[in-house]
Amino acid sequence: MWLNEFKVALTSKDTKKINELLTDMPQFEELSQMEEAFYLFKQAETLLNELKDETLQTMNKIKSNISFIESTYTKNSTKLDIMQ
């Protein structure tokens, strides 16, 4: 049951559910279950690294866009500047 739930969470990229399942991991009775869990953990690690990289790229794009907008924004001065 736990392995099936983990597979579903992994397939749907549900990081919250993956975290919940990892927090409440059962003791595996059979070697085959342990091996399957190990491979699923490796896939989860890969997924989380991919999502982390995507998030970093998105944050860098947002920072770049903010810098661009700030560079094109002209600030209004509150004092009278005759020398413009």
C-alpha atoms as a PDB file:
ATOM      1  CA  MET A   1       0.000   0.000   0.000  1.00  0.00           C
ATOM      2  CA  TRP A   2       2.710   2.501   1.014  1.00  0.00           C
ATOM      3  CA  LEU A   3       4.786   1.713  -2.069  1.00  0.00           C
ATOM      4  CA  ASN A   4       1.763   2.272  -4.323  1.00  0.00           C
ATOM      5  CA  GLU A   5       1.008   5.614  -2.664  1.00  0.00           C
ATOM      6  CA  PHE A   6       4.640   6.627  -3.096  1.00  0.00           C
ATOM      7  CA  LYS A   7       4.542   5.654  -6.783  1.00  0.00           C
ATOM      8  CA  VAL A   8       1.421   7.774  -7.309  1.00  0.00           C
ATOM      9  CA  ALA A   9       2.952  10.748  -5.502  1.00  0.00           C
ATOM     10  CA  LEU A  10       6.142  10.394  -7.520  1.00  0.00           C
ATOM     11  CA  THR A  11       4.288  10.102 -10.826  1.00  0.00           C
ATOM     12  CA  SER A  12       2.125  13.128 -10.065  1.00  0.00           C
ATOM     13  CA  LYS A  13       5.159  15.081  -8.758  1.00  0.00           C
ATOM     14  CA  ASP A  14       3.331  15.717  -5.486  1.00  0.00           C
ATOM     15  CA  THR A  15       6.235  16.808  -3.301  1.00  0.00           C
ATOM     16  CA  LYS A  16       4.004  17.399  -0.283  1.00  0.00           C
ATOM     17  CA  LYS A  17       2.693  13.826  -0.407  1.00  0.00           C
ATOM     18  CA  ILE A  18       6.221  12.463  -0.972  1.00  0.00           C
ATOM     19  CA  ASN A  19       7.375  14.288   2.151  1.00  0.00           C
ATOM     20  CA  GLU A  20       4.430  12.945   4.164  1.00  0.00           C
ATOM     21  CA  LEU A  21       5.139   9.399   3.021  1.00  0.00           C
ATOM     22  CA  LEU A  22       8.842   9.686   3.808  1.00  0.00           C
ATOM     23  CA  THR A  23       7.979  10.946   7.274  1.00  0.00           C
ATOM     24  CA  ASP A  24       5.670   7.987   7.881  1.00  0.00           C
ATOM     25  CA  MET A  25       7.698   5.212   6.243  1.00  0.00           C
ATOM     26  CA  PRO A  26       6.886   1.648   7.306  1.00  0.00           C
ATOM     27  CA  GLN A  27       9.278  -1.174   8.101  1.00  0.00           C
ATOM     28  CA  PHE A  28       9.617  -3.369   5.026  1.00  0.00           C
ATOM     29  CA  GLU A  29       9.398  -7.098   5.641  1.00  0.00           C
ATOM     30  CA  GLU A  30      10.687  -8.380   2.304  1.00  0.00           C
ATOM     31  CA  LEU A  31      13.910  -7.656   0.471  1.00  0.00           C
ATOM     32  CA  SER A  32      11.997  -6.983  -2.762  1.00  0.00           C
ATOM     33  CA  GLN A  33      10.017  -4.217  -1.014  1.00  0.00           C
ATOM     34  CA  MET A  34      13.229  -2.687   0.303  1.00  0.00           C
ATOM     35  CA  GLU A  35      14.780  -2.729  -3.161  1.00  0.00           C
ATOM     36  CA  GLU A  36      11.686  -1.197  -4.725  1.00  0.00           C
ATOM     37  CA  ALA A  37      11.615   1.528  -2.073  1.00  0.00           C
ATOM     38  CA  PHE A  38      15.308   2.230  -2.698  1.00  0.00           C
ATOM     39  CA  TYR A  39      14.730   2.738  -6.433  1.00  0.00           C
ATOM     40  CA  LEU A  40      11.721   4.926  -5.727  1.00  0.00           C
ATOM     41  CA  PHE A  41      13.825   7.021  -3.332  1.00  0.00           C
ATOM     42  CA  LYS A  42      16.422   7.506  -6.055  1.00  0.00           C
ATOM     43  CA  GLN A  43      13.690   8.624  -8.475  1.00  0.00           C
ATOM     44  CA  ALA A  44      12.307  10.998  -5.846  1.00  0.00           C
ATOM     45  CA  GLU A  45      15.782  12.463  -5.353  1.00  0.00           C
ATOM     46  CA  THR A  46      16.096  13.017  -9.096  1.00  0.00           C
ATOM     47  CA  LEU A  47      12.650  14.627  -9.243  1.00  0.00           C
ATOM     48  CA  LEU A  48      13.403  16.962  -6.342  1.00  0.00           C
ATOM     49  CA  ASN A  49      16.713  18.025  -7.891  1.00  0.00           C
ATOM     50  CA  GLU A  50      14.971  18.750 -11.202  1.00  0.00           C
ATOM     51  CA  LEU A  51      12.287  20.808  -9.454  1.00  0.00           C
ATOM     52  CA  LYS A  52      14.966  22.668  -7.478  1.00  0.00           C
ATOM     53  CA  ASP A  53      16.817  23.514 -10.705  1.00  0.00           C
ATOM     54  CA  GLU A  54      13.591  24.677 -12.376  1.00  0.00           C
ATOM     55  CA  THR A  55      12.830  26.887  -9.388  1.00  0.00           C
ATOM     56  CA  LEU A  56      16.318  28.398  -9.493  1.00  0.00           C
ATOM     57  CA  GLN A  57      15.974  29.159 -13.217  1.00  0.00           C
ATOM     58  CA  THR A  58      12.574  30.759 -12.645  1.00  0.00           C
ATOM     59  CA  MET A  59      13.930  32.883  -9.798  1.00  0.00           C
ATOM     60  CA  ASN A  60      16.827  34.058 -11.965  1.00  0.00           C
ATOM     61  CA  LYS A  61      14.408  34.996 -14.771  1.00  0.00           C
ATOM     62  CA  ILE A  62      12.258  36.943 -12.317  1.00  0.00           C
ATOM     63  CA  LYS A  63      15.326  38.774 -10.949  1.00  0.00           C
ATOM     64  CA  SER A  64      16.397  39.609 -14.484  1.00  0.00           C
ATOM     65  CA  ASN A  65      12.940  40.922 -15.354  1.00  0.00           C
ATOM     66  CA  ILE A  66      12.832  43.027 -12.190  1.00  0.00           C
ATOM     67  CA  SER A  67      16.257  44.487 -13.000  1.00  0.00           C
ATOM     68  CA  PHE A  68      15.121  45.316 -16.520  1.00  0.00           C
ATOM     69  CA  ILE A  69      11.942  46.986 -15.300  1.00  0.00           C
ATOM     70  CA  GLU A  70      13.860  48.938 -12.686  1.00  0.00           C
ATOM     71  CA  SER A  71      16.373  50.109 -15.299  1.00  0.00           C
ATOM     72  CA  THR A  72      13.616  51.464 -17.539  1.00  0.00           C
ATOM     73  CA  TYR A  73      11.698  53.098 -14.716  1.00  0.00           C
ATOM     74  CA  THR A  74      12.234  56.832 -14.352  1.00  0.00           C
ATOM     75  CA  LYS A  75      11.887  58.106 -10.847  1.00  0.00           C
ATOM     76  CA  ASN A  76       9.960  61.307 -10.287  1.00  0.00           C
ATOM     77  CA  SER A  77      11.847  63.855  -8.304  1.00  0.00           C
ATOM     78  CA  THR A  78      10.050  65.700  -5.532  1.00  0.00           C
ATOM     79  CA  LYS A  79      12.263  68.778  -5.873  1.00  0.00           C
ATOM     80  CA  LEU A  80      12.340  71.293  -8.661  1.00  0.00           C
ATOM     81  CA  ASP A  81      15.290  70.502 -10.901  1.00  0.00           C
ATOM     82  CA  ILE A  82      15.915  73.287 -13.396  1.00  0.00           C
ATOM     83  CA  MET A  83      19.076  71.729 -14.853  1.00  0.00           C
ATOM     84  CA  GLN A  84      17.388  68.873 -16.732  1.00  0.00           C
END
